[in-house]
Protein backbone atom coordinates (compact mmCIF):
# COMPACT_ATOMS: atom_id res chain seq x y z
CA MET A 1 82.51 31.79 74.71
CA ALA A 2 84.99 29.07 73.79
CA THR A 3 88.66 29.75 73.14
CA GLY A 4 91.03 27.62 71.13
CA ILE A 5 92.36 27.12 67.61
CA VAL A 6 90.52 24.97 65.06
CA LEU A 7 92.00 23.98 61.69
CA ILE A 8 89.62 23.08 58.85
CA ILE A 9 91.15 21.03 56.01
CA ASP A 10 88.75 20.73 53.07
CA ASP A 11 89.13 21.35 49.34
CA GLU A 12 85.49 22.56 48.99
CA GLU A 13 85.95 26.30 49.52
CA LYS A 14 82.27 27.20 50.07
CA LEU A 15 81.71 24.50 52.67
CA ARG A 16 85.00 25.38 54.38
CA ALA A 17 84.06 29.07 54.57
CA LEU A 18 80.60 28.23 55.96
CA LEU A 19 82.05 25.99 58.69
CA ALA A 20 84.66 28.60 59.54
CA ARG A 21 82.01 31.31 59.97
CA ILE A 22 79.83 29.10 62.21
CA ILE A 23 82.77 28.04 64.38
CA ARG A 24 84.12 31.59 64.74
CA LEU A 25 80.74 32.66 66.12
CA GLU A 26 81.36 30.21 69.00
CA GLY A 27 84.55 32.04 69.95
CA PHE A 28 87.13 29.76 68.35
CA THR A 29 90.03 30.97 66.20
CA VAL A 30 89.72 29.24 62.83
CA LEU A 31 92.45 28.50 60.29
CA GLU A 32 91.74 27.07 56.83
CA ALA A 33 93.63 24.80 54.43
CA ASP A 34 92.60 23.24 51.09
CA SER A 35 94.99 20.26 51.24
CA LEU A 36 96.84 18.02 53.68
CA LYS A 37 100.13 19.64 52.68
CA ALA A 38 98.82 23.15 53.42
CA GLY A 39 97.29 21.89 56.67
CA GLY A 40 100.61 20.33 57.64
CA ARG A 41 102.39 23.67 57.24
CA LEU A 42 99.85 25.35 59.56
CA LEU A 43 100.21 22.54 62.11
CA GLU A 44 103.95 23.16 62.21
CA LYS A 45 103.52 26.90 62.85
CA GLU A 46 100.41 27.15 65.03
CA ASP A 47 99.38 25.62 68.38
CA ILE A 48 96.24 23.98 66.99
CA ASP A 49 93.81 22.18 69.32
CA VAL A 50 91.26 20.51 67.02
CA VAL A 51 91.34 19.59 63.32
CA LEU A 52 88.24 19.19 61.14
CA CYS A 53 89.43 17.20 58.13
CA ASP A 54 87.75 15.92 54.99
CA VAL A 55 88.31 12.23 54.24
CA LYS A 56 88.85 12.61 50.48
CA LEU A 57 91.45 15.26 49.62
CA PRO A 58 93.49 15.88 46.44
CA ASP A 59 96.78 14.89 48.08
CA GLY A 60 95.74 12.14 50.47
CA ASN A 61 93.25 10.36 52.67
CA GLY A 62 92.03 11.86 55.96
CA VAL A 63 91.81 8.44 57.65
CA ASP A 64 95.54 7.85 57.12
CA PHE A 65 96.28 11.47 58.08
CA VAL A 66 94.72 10.82 61.51
CA ARG A 67 97.17 8.01 62.21
CA ASP A 68 100.20 10.05 61.17
CA LEU A 69 99.16 13.20 63.06
CA LYS A 70 98.25 11.37 66.29
CA SER A 71 101.62 9.60 66.29
CA ARG A 72 103.38 12.99 66.18
CA ARG A 73 100.94 15.23 68.09
CA PRO A 74 98.84 13.02 70.42
CA CYS A 75 97.20 16.00 72.17
CA ILE A 76 95.49 17.21 68.97
CA GLU A 77 91.98 15.87 68.36
CA ILE A 78 90.75 15.19 64.82
CA ILE A 79 87.14 15.08 63.62
CA LEU A 80 86.77 13.56 60.15
CA LEU A 81 84.19 14.83 57.66
CA THR A 82 82.99 12.71 54.75
CA ALA A 83 80.47 13.18 51.96
CA TYR A 84 79.81 9.45 51.73
CA GLY A 85 80.13 7.74 55.10
CA ASN A 86 80.83 4.02 55.26
CA ILE A 87 81.27 1.76 58.25
CA ALA A 88 84.71 0.46 57.24
CA ASP A 89 86.21 3.96 57.01
CA GLY A 90 84.53 4.98 60.26
CA VAL A 91 85.94 1.98 62.15
CA LYS A 92 89.42 2.53 60.72
CA ALA A 93 89.30 6.25 61.55
CA MET A 94 88.42 5.57 65.20
CA LYS A 95 91.14 2.91 65.45
CA ASN A 96 93.63 5.44 64.07
CA GLY A 97 92.69 7.86 66.85
CA ALA A 98 89.99 10.10 65.38
CA PHE A 99 87.78 11.86 67.94
CA ASP A 100 84.72 11.28 65.72
CA TYR A 101 83.66 10.58 62.13
CA ILE A 102 80.62 12.43 60.75
CA THR A 103 78.81 12.90 57.45
CA LYS A 104 78.73 16.34 55.82
CA GLY A 105 75.30 17.92 55.66
CA ASP A 106 73.48 15.26 57.68
CA ASP A 107 75.50 15.88 60.85
CA ASN A 108 76.11 19.66 60.66
CA ASP A 109 74.20 20.23 63.89
CA LYS A 110 76.65 17.90 65.67
CA ILE A 111 79.77 19.88 64.81
CA ILE A 112 79.65 22.56 67.53
CA PRO A 113 78.87 20.14 70.42
CA LEU A 114 81.57 17.80 69.06
CA LEU A 115 84.09 20.64 68.90
CA ALA A 116 83.30 21.61 72.50
CA ARG A 117 83.86 18.04 73.75
CA ALA A 118 87.02 17.63 71.67
CA PHE A 119 88.40 20.90 73.02
CA GLU A 120 87.63 19.82 76.61
CA LYS A 121 89.60 16.64 76.00
CA VAL A 122 92.53 18.60 74.56
CA GLN A 123 92.62 20.89 77.61
CA LEU A 124 92.54 17.90 79.95
CA GLN A 125 95.38 16.20 78.03
CA LYS A 126 97.49 19.37 78.16
CA ARG A 127 96.88 19.71 81.90
CA VAL A 128 97.89 16.09 82.50
CA GLN A 129 100.99 16.62 80.38
CA GLN A 130 101.94 19.71 82.43
CA LEU A 131 101.45 17.82 85.69
CA GLU A 132 103.55 14.91 84.42
CA GLN A 133 106.32 17.32 83.48
CA GLN A 134 106.17 18.98 86.91
CA VAL A 135 106.25 15.63 88.69
CA GLY A 136 109.03 14.41 86.42
CA LYS A 137 111.12 17.53 87.09
CA ARG A 138 110.52 17.29 90.83
CA TYR A 139 111.79 13.73 90.95
CA THR A 140 114.76 14.05 88.61
CA PHE A 141 118.35 14.62 89.67
CA GLU A 142 117.95 18.28 88.67
CA GLY A 143 115.33 18.54 91.42
CA ILE A 144 117.81 17.57 94.16
CA LEU A 145 118.93 20.77 95.88
CA GLY A 146 122.53 21.52 96.75
CA GLN A 147 125.95 22.17 95.24
CA SER A 148 128.24 20.95 98.02
CA PRO A 149 130.85 18.33 97.04
CA LEU A 150 129.27 15.57 99.15
CA ILE A 151 125.80 15.86 97.60
CA MET A 152 127.24 16.25 94.10
CA ASP A 153 129.26 13.05 94.57
CA ALA A 154 126.10 11.20 95.65
CA ILE A 155 124.17 12.53 92.64
CA ALA A 156 126.98 11.50 90.28
CA LEU A 157 126.89 7.93 91.62
CA ALA A 158 123.09 7.80 91.38
CA ARG A 159 123.19 9.03 87.77
CA LYS A 160 125.57 6.23 86.84
CA VAL A 161 123.51 3.45 88.40
CA ALA A 162 120.07 4.75 87.33
CA PRO A 163 120.06 3.34 83.75
CA THR A 164 121.12 -0.12 84.97
CA GLU A 165 119.02 -2.83 86.60
CA ALA A 166 121.28 -2.99 89.68
CA THR A 167 119.80 -3.16 93.17
CA VAL A 168 120.68 0.02 95.08
CA LEU A 169 121.16 0.51 98.83
CA LEU A 170 120.85 4.11 100.04
CA LEU A 171 122.51 4.88 103.37
CA GLY A 172 121.88 7.99 105.41
CA GLU A 173 120.31 9.50 108.47
CA THR A 174 116.57 10.08 108.71
CA GLY A 175 115.52 13.07 106.63
CA THR A 176 118.47 13.13 104.22
CA GLY A 177 116.29 12.58 101.14
CA LYS A 178 116.61 8.85 100.51
CA GLU A 179 113.18 8.57 98.88
CA VAL A 180 113.93 11.59 96.67
CA PHE A 181 117.06 9.80 95.45
CA ALA A 182 115.11 6.58 94.90
CA GLN A 183 112.54 8.49 92.81
CA ALA A 184 115.30 10.16 90.78
CA ILE A 185 116.97 6.80 90.10
CA HIS A 186 113.61 5.42 88.94
CA GLN A 187 113.02 8.45 86.68
CA GLY A 188 116.49 8.02 85.22
CA SER A 189 115.91 4.34 84.39
CA LYS A 190 114.21 2.51 81.53
CA ARG A 191 111.36 1.84 83.98
CA ALA A 192 110.48 5.55 84.34
CA THR A 193 107.05 5.17 82.71
CA LYS A 194 106.16 2.21 84.93
CA PRO A 195 105.02 2.26 88.59
CA PHE A 196 107.16 3.51 91.45
CA MET A 197 105.93 2.07 94.74
CA ALA A 198 107.33 3.02 98.16
CA LEU A 199 106.93 1.31 101.54
CA ASN A 200 108.34 2.16 104.96
CA CYS A 201 109.15 -1.17 106.59
CA SER A 202 109.15 0.33 110.10
CA ALA A 203 105.52 1.43 109.83
CA PHE A 204 103.96 -2.05 110.00
CA SER A 205 103.94 -5.13 112.19
CA LYS A 206 105.41 -8.31 110.69
CA GLU A 207 101.98 -9.66 109.64
CA LEU A 208 100.76 -6.40 108.13
CA LEU A 209 104.05 -5.80 106.34
CA GLU A 210 103.90 -9.27 104.79
CA SER A 211 100.37 -8.58 103.50
CA GLU A 212 101.28 -5.10 102.22
CA LEU A 213 104.40 -6.35 100.50
CA PHE A 214 103.35 -9.72 99.10
CA GLY A 215 99.55 -9.53 99.10
CA HIS A 216 97.19 -12.30 100.16
CA LYS A 217 94.43 -14.61 98.96
CA ALA A 218 90.85 -14.38 100.18
CA GLY A 219 90.43 -16.38 103.38
CA ALA A 220 94.15 -16.39 104.20
CA PHE A 221 93.34 -14.92 107.63
CA THR A 222 90.45 -13.37 109.53
CA GLY A 223 89.25 -10.29 107.67
CA ALA A 224 90.80 -11.28 104.33
CA THR A 225 87.52 -11.24 102.40
CA LYS A 226 89.05 -10.84 98.94
CA ASP A 227 92.34 -11.23 97.09
CA LYS A 228 94.83 -8.40 97.54
CA ARG A 229 97.78 -7.51 95.34
CA GLY A 230 100.90 -6.61 97.31
CA LEU A 231 103.21 -3.71 96.46
CA ILE A 232 105.74 -6.03 94.83
CA GLU A 233 103.07 -7.07 92.34
CA GLU A 234 101.82 -3.49 91.95
CA ALA A 235 105.38 -2.44 91.08
CA ASP A 236 105.72 -5.07 88.34
CA LEU A 237 107.87 -3.70 85.47
CA GLY A 238 108.68 -0.71 87.67
CA THR A 239 110.56 0.03 90.89
CA LEU A 240 109.87 -0.87 94.53
CA PHE A 241 111.48 1.34 97.18
CA LEU A 242 111.76 -0.22 100.65
CA ASP A 243 112.68 2.39 103.24
CA GLU A 244 114.07 1.37 106.66
CA ILE A 245 114.87 -2.10 105.32
CA GLY A 246 116.81 -2.82 108.53
CA GLU A 247 113.48 -2.93 110.42
CA MET A 248 112.12 -5.83 108.34
CA HIS A 249 111.50 -9.01 110.35
CA ILE A 250 114.06 -11.71 109.57
CA ASP A 251 111.33 -14.15 108.40
CA LEU A 252 110.22 -11.66 105.74
CA GLN A 253 113.83 -11.09 104.72
CA ALA A 254 113.89 -14.68 103.41
CA LYS A 255 110.83 -14.01 101.22
CA LEU A 256 112.39 -10.80 99.87
CA LEU A 257 115.60 -12.69 99.10
CA ARG A 258 113.59 -15.14 97.03
CA VAL A 259 112.16 -12.28 94.97
CA LEU A 260 115.67 -11.00 94.28
CA GLU A 261 116.98 -14.44 93.35
CA THR A 262 114.05 -15.94 91.40
CA SER A 263 111.76 -12.99 90.55
CA GLU A 264 108.84 -14.79 92.17
CA PHE A 265 107.05 -15.02 95.51
CA ILE A 266 104.08 -16.73 97.14
CA LYS A 267 101.20 -14.66 98.46
CA VAL A 268 99.88 -15.24 101.96
CA GLY A 269 97.38 -18.10 101.70
CA ASP A 270 98.43 -19.08 98.17
CA THR A 271 100.17 -22.23 96.97
CA ARG A 272 101.36 -21.05 93.56
CA PRO A 273 104.17 -18.56 92.96
CA THR A 274 103.58 -15.17 91.35
CA ARG A 275 106.24 -13.95 88.93
CA VAL A 276 107.31 -10.29 88.81
CA ASN A 277 109.85 -8.12 87.04
CA VAL A 278 110.71 -5.43 89.56
CA ARG A 279 113.76 -3.38 90.45
CA ILE A 280 114.31 -3.01 94.19
CA ILE A 281 115.89 0.03 95.85
CA THR A 282 116.32 -0.06 99.63
CA ALA A 283 117.35 2.46 102.27
CA THR A 284 118.33 2.45 105.91
CA ASN A 285 119.82 4.61 108.64
CA ARG A 286 121.13 1.53 110.45
CA ASP A 287 124.52 -0.19 110.26
CA LEU A 288 123.42 -3.32 108.39
CA GLN A 289 126.85 -4.93 108.67
CA GLN A 290 126.59 -4.68 112.45
CA ASP A 291 123.05 -6.06 112.28
CA VAL A 292 124.39 -9.01 110.26
CA ALA A 293 127.06 -9.61 112.92
CA ASP A 294 124.36 -9.44 115.63
CA GLY A 295 122.13 -11.91 113.80
CA LYS A 296 119.40 -9.34 113.15
CA PHE A 297 119.81 -9.20 109.39
CA ARG A 298 120.43 -11.99 106.89
CA GLU A 299 123.94 -11.94 105.49
CA ASP A 300 122.85 -13.34 102.10
CA LEU A 301 120.18 -10.65 101.75
CA PHE A 302 122.65 -7.94 102.75
CA TYR A 303 124.99 -8.91 99.92
CA ARG A 304 122.11 -8.99 97.41
CA LEU A 305 120.98 -5.51 98.48
CA ASN A 306 124.50 -4.12 98.70
CA VAL A 307 125.23 -4.39 94.97
CA PHE A 308 125.55 -0.61 94.67
CA THR A 309 125.65 1.61 97.76
CA ILE A 310 125.22 5.38 97.89
CA SER A 311 125.80 7.29 101.13
CA LEU A 312 123.76 10.47 101.50
CA PRO A 313 125.38 13.24 103.57
CA SER A 314 123.67 14.76 106.59
CA LEU A 315 122.66 18.42 106.37
CA ARG A 316 125.25 19.45 108.99
CA ASP A 317 127.92 18.05 106.65
CA ARG A 318 126.80 20.34 103.83
CA LYS A 319 125.73 23.53 105.55
CA LYS A 320 126.62 25.64 102.51
CA ASP A 321 123.47 24.19 100.89
CA ILE A 322 121.17 25.41 103.68
CA PRO A 323 120.38 28.85 102.12
CA ALA A 324 119.35 27.30 98.78
CA ILE A 325 117.21 24.61 100.42
CA ALA A 326 115.62 27.14 102.78
CA GLU A 327 114.89 29.47 99.83
CA TYR A 328 113.19 26.63 97.93
CA TYR A 329 110.91 25.77 100.84
CA LEU A 330 110.22 29.45 101.51
CA ARG A 331 108.89 29.85 97.96
CA TRP A 332 106.97 26.58 98.22
CA PHE A 333 105.16 27.33 101.48
CA ALA A 334 104.62 31.04 100.72
CA LYS A 335 102.86 30.08 97.50
CA LYS A 336 100.91 27.34 99.26
CA GLY A 337 99.83 29.74 102.03
CA ASN A 338 99.17 32.60 99.58
CA LYS A 339 101.70 34.81 101.41
CA ARG A 340 104.04 37.39 99.93
CA ILE A 341 107.34 36.67 101.64
CA GLU A 342 110.34 37.71 99.57
CA SER A 343 113.42 36.90 101.65
CA MET A 344 115.09 35.73 104.87
CA SER A 345 117.06 38.09 107.11
CA LYS A 346 120.81 37.58 107.52
CA GLU A 347 120.30 36.76 111.22
CA PHE A 348 117.64 34.19 110.27
CA LEU A 349 120.07 32.46 107.89
CA ASP A 350 122.90 32.67 110.45
CA HIS A 351 120.76 30.80 112.97
CA LEU A 352 119.93 28.16 110.37
CA GLN A 353 123.64 27.73 109.61
CA GLN A 354 124.50 27.29 113.30
CA HIS A 355 121.87 24.63 114.02
CA GLU A 356 122.96 20.96 114.09
CA TRP A 357 119.96 19.65 112.08
CA LYS A 358 119.63 16.19 113.60
CA GLY A 359 116.45 15.79 111.56
CA ASN A 360 118.27 16.92 108.39
CA ILE A 361 116.32 18.30 105.40
CA ARG A 362 113.00 17.11 106.82
CA GLU A 363 113.62 19.18 109.96
CA LEU A 364 114.64 22.24 107.92
CA LYS A 365 111.49 21.90 105.80
CA ASN A 366 109.33 21.85 108.95
CA ILE A 367 111.14 24.88 110.42
CA ILE A 368 110.60 26.91 107.23
CA GLU A 369 106.92 25.92 107.05
CA ARG A 370 106.45 27.05 110.66
CA ALA A 371 108.29 30.33 110.02
CA VAL A 372 106.14 31.08 106.95
CA ILE A 373 102.97 30.48 108.97
CA LEU A 374 104.15 32.82 111.75
CA SER A 375 105.47 35.57 109.48
CA ASP A 376 103.37 38.69 108.94
CA GLY A 377 105.93 40.61 106.90
CA PRO A 378 107.84 40.34 103.63
CA GLN A 379 110.89 38.77 105.32
CA LEU A 380 111.48 35.82 107.65
CA THR A 381 113.23 36.93 110.84
CA VAL A 382 114.71 35.27 113.93
CA ASP A 383 111.41 35.89 115.74
CA ASN A 384 109.78 33.38 113.38
CA LEU A 385 112.11 30.59 114.55
CA PRO A 386 111.38 28.15 117.39
CA THR A 387 112.89 29.07 120.76
CA GLU A 388 115.58 26.39 120.55
CA LEU A 389 116.87 27.93 117.30
CA GLN A 390 116.67 31.50 118.61
CA VAL A 391 118.95 30.69 121.55
CA THR A 392 122.48 30.27 120.26
CA SER A 393 125.60 29.56 122.26
CA LEU A 394 128.47 31.99 122.81
CA ARG A 395 130.58 29.58 120.88
CA HIS A 396 128.74 30.61 117.71
CA THR A 397 127.88 34.24 118.39
CA GLY A 398 130.97 35.56 120.16
CA PRO A 399 134.71 35.48 119.40
CA LEU A 400 136.44 32.27 120.41
CA SER A 401 138.42 32.57 123.63
CA ALA A 402 142.11 31.64 123.80
CA PHE A 403 141.13 29.25 126.59
CA ASP A 404 138.31 27.67 124.61
CA LEU A 405 139.06 24.21 123.19
CA ALA A 406 137.16 25.15 120.03
CA SER A 407 139.56 28.04 119.36
CA VAL A 408 142.53 25.66 119.56
CA GLU A 409 140.81 23.26 117.15
CA LYS A 410 139.92 26.06 114.76
CA LEU A 411 143.45 27.46 114.75
CA HIS A 412 144.99 24.02 114.21
CA ILE A 413 142.70 23.15 111.29
CA GLN A 414 143.38 26.54 109.71
CA ARG A 415 147.15 25.98 109.95
CA VAL A 416 146.86 22.51 108.37
CA LEU A 417 144.68 23.86 105.55
CA ASN A 418 147.22 26.60 104.90
CA HIS A 419 149.99 24.00 104.94
CA THR A 420 148.18 21.88 102.32
CA ARG A 421 147.24 24.98 100.29
CA GLY A 422 143.55 24.15 100.64
CA ASN A 423 143.86 20.47 99.69
CA LYS A 424 141.11 19.08 101.94
CA THR A 425 141.85 15.42 101.28
CA GLU A 426 145.46 15.86 102.37
CA ALA A 427 144.41 18.03 105.34
CA ALA A 428 141.98 15.34 106.54
CA ARG A 429 144.77 12.75 106.29
CA LEU A 430 147.18 14.89 108.32
CA LEU A 431 144.51 15.66 110.93
CA ASN A 432 143.60 11.96 111.06
CA ILE A 433 139.89 12.72 110.62
CA GLY A 434 137.34 11.84 107.94
CA LEU A 435 136.88 14.15 104.97
CA THR A 436 133.22 14.57 105.95
CA THR A 437 134.24 15.72 109.43
CA LEU A 438 136.68 18.22 107.94
CA TYR A 439 133.96 19.71 105.72
CA ARG A 440 131.75 20.09 108.79
CA LYS A 441 134.51 21.82 110.77
CA ILE A 442 135.22 24.19 107.89
CA GLU A 443 131.54 25.18 107.78
CA GLU A 444 131.24 25.37 111.57
CA TYR A 445 134.24 27.65 112.06
CA LYS A 446 133.71 29.47 108.74
CA LEU A 447 137.32 28.80 107.79
CA SER A 448 138.95 30.22 104.70
CA TYR A 449 141.93 28.75 103.01
CA GLU A 450 144.20 29.20 100.01
CA ALA A 451 143.03 26.82 97.30
CA SER A 452 145.72 24.72 95.65
């Protein structure tokens, strides 16, 4: 039996009642209206899937109604009914977005199969819409996990640059979420409905990277049997994200520079330029300025990419975010593995907090996935962690000794924080260390301080 809501709009009461009875027998919920105005009121109140509408109504024309309704509610399908079918009305109805156009009486046997197909289309459209919303939410700034000052500062910068057309350079260690930021910037731009293409420059040789990026013409080299569009062309009107840009061969850097300067490039084996309108976001974990000094990276390209730079903090510099990130991945992998795991033990979280996370969020994600796989109970415990995370040093588990250098450092930082009444910027200046380093030390030693 079918399920769904069908609205019949027809001023002929007997015909409307007959259709309603037939359709209800198929399992649909049926609502009735004798005019476009009455139908409009029902459409505002009810979650209607399919509309059966007469063409000639006292207060309007069904063909025009299709255009208006589809512009406001594109997921609703409309089947038009007419007593006197004509080709012109039928063509116009289909152009306006009608699902079908049938003649009353002659095509009555078509109504139920038509309704079934229209309802299938509605369900598919709703499912696609849900998936688009899920994907959109995942790749928005709201989907970036963490509340620490460093990550919030990075998000604030990304929000400001997203609506512009500026080229963005994302700096950060491997696994800090550079592609997630690139996706969020794309979603926050005017190009959000256009393609987002991503390419890791370190994953290809020079020749393969050139073909992947710029495409090629048939016969350009052995094995090139047909034309290929490169990712720059695929990303036209959208965004191209180039990860590990520092690994790009210097010859290809010149071709990328041309794209940035002229919005055109020449495919491998071609003689004519191809024009594109693409926004480029790049990322690296290298020191590009040092690479420029060493002759490994073009200085002119560096300045074109470095229009707007955002530095993403490492996970060890924002350890207060670890519980929230771990919780997110716990839910994700438990659902994926169909496991009922409700929490993480305090000792489990303590071990996560003490780890250095050289692989950053990517490493944490892998650790949580492994723990979920190994867990047989409702809670993740230390036993579910890899051996290297289970073994912690005395420095973290025991009280700091008066002879331990760490205890001296901890005591000194605490005194400076007390002196500045919790002003971390001033404390970092007095300690002659970076603010990022101070945040890490505060998390590492679990320091408390009197906020100013």
